[in-house]
């Protein structure tokens, strides 16, 4: 429900669905589901141009990626952190995040991610 609402331009009113998703995932202690909820919340926050909130969610995603030892999740978190940092004018920070993103992409190797990183 939350993803469709966000796609229809009703991101703010549908953020609570993702928050509920997160609560259920936390009750189940299911880190992959928590990560999915954080990704959805980060995306909607970016759509709402609430970059400080999106940054918080991407930090949670990064923590989850490390916890799960999922380099792909870490890479996507760094991409989101870079994009949000760029949007708020923190260009040096954004560059650092993008370099982390590229570093992981080169190690996976993920050709699509590598091309996006450059």
C-alpha atoms as a PDB file:
ATOM      1  CA  UNK A   1       0.000   0.000   0.000  1.00  0.00           C
ATOM      2  CA  UNK A   2       2.743   2.421   0.990  1.00  0.00           C
ATOM      3  CA  UNK A   3       4.738   1.962  -2.214  1.00  0.00           C
ATOM      4  CA  UNK A   4       1.717   2.536  -4.465  1.00  0.00           C
ATOM      5  CA  UNK A   5       0.656   5.591  -2.483  1.00  0.00           C
ATOM      6  CA  UNK A   6       4.143   7.010  -2.832  1.00  0.00           C
ATOM      7  CA  UNK A   7       4.122   6.394  -6.571  1.00  0.00           C
ATOM      8  CA  UNK A   8       0.777   8.168  -6.851  1.00  0.00           C
ATOM      9  CA  UNK A   9       2.254  11.299  -5.282  1.00  0.00           C
ATOM     10  CA  UNK A  10       0.752  10.781  -1.845  1.00  0.00           C
ATOM     11  CA  UNK A  11       4.053  10.049  -0.119  1.00  0.00           C
ATOM     12  CA  UNK A  12       3.398  11.957   3.089  1.00  0.00           C
ATOM     13  CA  UNK A  13       0.088  10.273   3.823  1.00  0.00           C
ATOM     14  CA  UNK A  14       1.506   6.819   3.067  1.00  0.00           C
ATOM     15  CA  UNK A  15       4.655   7.063   5.175  1.00  0.00           C
ATOM     16  CA  UNK A  16       2.742   5.559   8.110  1.00  0.00           C
ATOM     17  CA  UNK A  17       2.280   2.279   6.187  1.00  0.00           C
ATOM     18  CA  UNK A  18       6.040   1.897   5.984  1.00  0.00           C
ATOM     19  CA  UNK A  19       6.343   2.839   9.644  1.00  0.00           C
ATOM     20  CA  UNK A  20       3.901   0.043  10.473  1.00  0.00           C
ATOM     21  CA  UNK A  21       5.893  -2.307   8.209  1.00  0.00           C
ATOM     22  CA  UNK A  22       9.007  -1.397  10.205  1.00  0.00           C
ATOM     23  CA  UNK A  23       7.256  -2.013  13.534  1.00  0.00           C
ATOM     24  CA  UNK A  24       6.145  -5.486  12.458  1.00  0.00           C
ATOM     25  CA  UNK A  25       9.627  -6.321  11.139  1.00  0.00           C
ATOM     26  CA  UNK A  26      11.178  -5.171  14.417  1.00  0.00           C
ATOM     27  CA  UNK A  27       8.744  -7.286  16.436  1.00  0.00           C
ATOM     28  CA  UNK A  28       9.763 -10.275  14.324  1.00  0.00           C
ATOM     29  CA  UNK A  29      13.436  -9.309  14.656  1.00  0.00           C
ATOM     30  CA  UNK A  30      13.655  -9.648  10.877  1.00  0.00           C
ATOM     31  CA  UNK A  31      16.557  -7.482   9.692  1.00  0.00           C
ATOM     32  CA  UNK A  32      15.915  -7.934   5.923  1.00  0.00           C
ATOM     33  CA  UNK A  33      12.292  -6.792   6.376  1.00  0.00           C
ATOM     34  CA  UNK A  34      13.441  -3.876   8.521  1.00  0.00           C
ATOM     35  CA  UNK A  35      15.888  -2.921   5.787  1.00  0.00           C
ATOM     36  CA  UNK A  36      13.144  -2.994   3.151  1.00  0.00           C
ATOM     37  CA  UNK A  37      11.001  -0.714   5.323  1.00  0.00           C
ATOM     38  CA  UNK A  38      13.906   1.699   5.785  1.00  0.00           C
ATOM     39  CA  UNK A  39      14.514   1.762   2.024  1.00  0.00           C
ATOM     40  CA  UNK A  40      10.849   2.588   1.418  1.00  0.00           C
ATOM     41  CA  UNK A  41      10.875   5.308   4.074  1.00  0.00           C
ATOM     42  CA  UNK A  42      14.097   6.787   2.703  1.00  0.00           C
ATOM     43  CA  UNK A  43      12.672   6.878  -0.821  1.00  0.00           C
ATOM     44  CA  UNK A  44       9.475   8.587   0.308  1.00  0.00           C
ATOM     45  CA  UNK A  45      11.441  11.068   2.416  1.00  0.00           C
ATOM     46  CA  UNK A  46      13.521  11.946  -0.642  1.00  0.00           C
ATOM     47  CA  UNK A  47      10.336  12.443  -2.666  1.00  0.00           C
ATOM     48  CA  UNK A  48       9.168  14.840   0.038  1.00  0.00           C
ATOM     49  CA  UNK A  49      12.597  16.541  -0.076  1.00  0.00           C
ATOM     50  CA  UNK A  50      13.063  15.744   3.614  1.00  0.00           C
ATOM     51  CA  UNK A  51      16.717  14.867   3.162  1.00  0.00           C
ATOM     52  CA  UNK A  52      17.631  14.935   6.851  1.00  0.00           C
ATOM     53  CA  UNK A  53      15.042  12.226   7.504  1.00  0.00           C
ATOM     54  CA  UNK A  54      16.157  10.246   4.446  1.00  0.00           C
ATOM     55  CA  UNK A  55      19.760  10.429   5.691  1.00  0.00           C
ATOM     56  CA  UNK A  56      18.679   8.866   8.993  1.00  0.00           C
ATOM     57  CA  UNK A  57      16.986   6.017   7.165  1.00  0.00           C
ATOM     58  CA  UNK A  58      20.002   5.430   4.926  1.00  0.00           C
ATOM     59  CA  UNK A  59      22.216   5.269   8.026  1.00  0.00           C
ATOM     60  CA  UNK A  60      19.896   2.579   9.401  1.00  0.00           C
ATOM     61  CA  UNK A  61      20.132   0.737   6.076  1.00  0.00           C
ATOM     62  CA  UNK A  62      23.922   0.904   6.219  1.00  0.00           C
ATOM     63  CA  UNK A  63      23.886  -0.495   9.758  1.00  0.00           C
ATOM     64  CA  UNK A  64      21.569  -3.303   8.627  1.00  0.00           C
ATOM     65  CA  UNK A  65      23.780  -4.081   5.641  1.00  0.00           C
ATOM     66  CA  UNK A  66      26.815  -4.419   7.885  1.00  0.00           C
ATOM     67  CA  UNK A  67      24.847  -6.544  10.352  1.00  0.00           C
ATOM     68  CA  UNK A  68      23.651  -8.858   7.555  1.00  0.00           C
ATOM     69  CA  UNK A  69      27.068  -8.782   5.852  1.00  0.00           C
ATOM     70  CA  UNK A  70      25.280  -7.789   2.662  1.00  0.00           C
ATOM     71  CA  UNK A  71      27.631  -5.634   0.604  1.00  0.00           C
ATOM     72  CA  UNK A  72      24.898  -4.914  -1.939  1.00  0.00           C
ATOM     73  CA  UNK A  73      22.738  -3.327   0.769  1.00  0.00           C
ATOM     74  CA  UNK A  74      25.739  -1.361   2.032  1.00  0.00           C
ATOM     75  CA  UNK A  75      26.431  -0.155  -1.506  1.00  0.00           C
ATOM     76  CA  UNK A  76      22.851   1.017  -2.006  1.00  0.00           C
ATOM     77  CA  UNK A  77      22.928   2.769   1.376  1.00  0.00           C
ATOM     78  CA  UNK A  78      26.068   4.666   0.376  1.00  0.00           C
ATOM     79  CA  UNK A  79      24.405   5.680  -2.900  1.00  0.00           C
ATOM     80  CA  UNK A  80      21.411   7.056  -0.989  1.00  0.00           C
ATOM     81  CA  UNK A  81      23.611   8.802   1.561  1.00  0.00           C
ATOM     82  CA  UNK A  82      25.574  10.384  -1.290  1.00  0.00           C
ATOM     83  CA  UNK A  83      22.464  11.552  -3.101  1.00  0.00           C
ATOM     84  CA  UNK A  84      20.926  13.111   0.011  1.00  0.00           C
ATOM     85  CA  UNK A  85      24.199  14.739   1.053  1.00  0.00           C
ATOM     86  CA  UNK A  86      24.512  16.220  -2.435  1.00  0.00           C
ATOM     87  CA  UNK A  87      20.965  17.584  -2.226  1.00  0.00           C
ATOM     88  CA  UNK A  88      21.711  19.442   1.011  1.00  0.00           C
ATOM     89  CA  UNK A  89      24.955  20.851  -0.376  1.00  0.00           C
ATOM     90  CA  UNK A  90      27.359  18.679   1.606  1.00  0.00           C
ATOM     91  CA  UNK A  91      29.450  17.912  -1.446  1.00  0.00           C
ATOM     92  CA  UNK A  92      32.587  16.647   0.307  1.00  0.00           C
ATOM     93  CA  UNK A  93      30.475  14.243   2.351  1.00  0.00           C
ATOM     94  CA  UNK A  94      28.567  13.184  -0.768  1.00  0.00           C
ATOM     95  CA  UNK A  95      31.825  12.480  -2.589  1.00  0.00           C
ATOM     96  CA  UNK A  96      33.020  10.304   0.297  1.00  0.00           C
ATOM     97  CA  UNK A  97      29.792   8.292   0.238  1.00  0.00           C
ATOM     98  CA  UNK A  98      29.965   7.902  -3.547  1.00  0.00           C
ATOM     99  CA  UNK A  99      33.568   6.688  -3.276  1.00  0.00           C
ATOM    100  CA  UNK A 100      32.456   4.059  -0.763  1.00  0.00           C
ATOM    101  CA  UNK A 101      29.673   3.080  -3.159  1.00  0.00           C
ATOM    102  CA  UNK A 102      32.115   2.714  -6.057  1.00  0.00           C
ATOM    103  CA  UNK A 103      34.589   0.763  -3.936  1.00  0.00           C
ATOM    104  CA  UNK A 104      31.959  -1.833  -3.041  1.00  0.00           C
ATOM    105  CA  UNK A 105      30.609  -1.972  -6.605  1.00  0.00           C
ATOM    106  CA  UNK A 106      34.094  -2.733  -7.922  1.00  0.00           C
ATOM    107  CA  UNK A 107      34.518  -5.566  -5.426  1.00  0.00           C
ATOM    108  CA  UNK A 108      31.185  -7.279  -6.086  1.00  0.00           C
ATOM    109  CA  UNK A 109      31.537  -6.725  -9.202  1.00  0.00           C
ATOM    110  CA  UNK A 110      28.249  -5.119 -10.202  1.00  0.00           C
ATOM    111  CA  UNK A 111      28.613  -3.638 -13.681  1.00  0.00           C
ATOM    112  CA  UNK A 112      25.371  -1.654 -13.465  1.00  0.00           C
ATOM    113  CA  UNK A 113      26.339  -0.169 -10.114  1.00  0.00           C
ATOM    114  CA  UNK A 114      29.868   0.533 -11.379  1.00  0.00           C
ATOM    115  CA  UNK A 115      28.528   2.456 -14.373  1.00  0.00           C
ATOM    116  CA  UNK A 116      26.154   4.453 -12.143  1.00  0.00           C
ATOM    117  CA  UNK A 117      28.973   5.251  -9.706  1.00  0.00           C
ATOM    118  CA  UNK A 118      31.096   6.799 -12.417  1.00  0.00           C
END
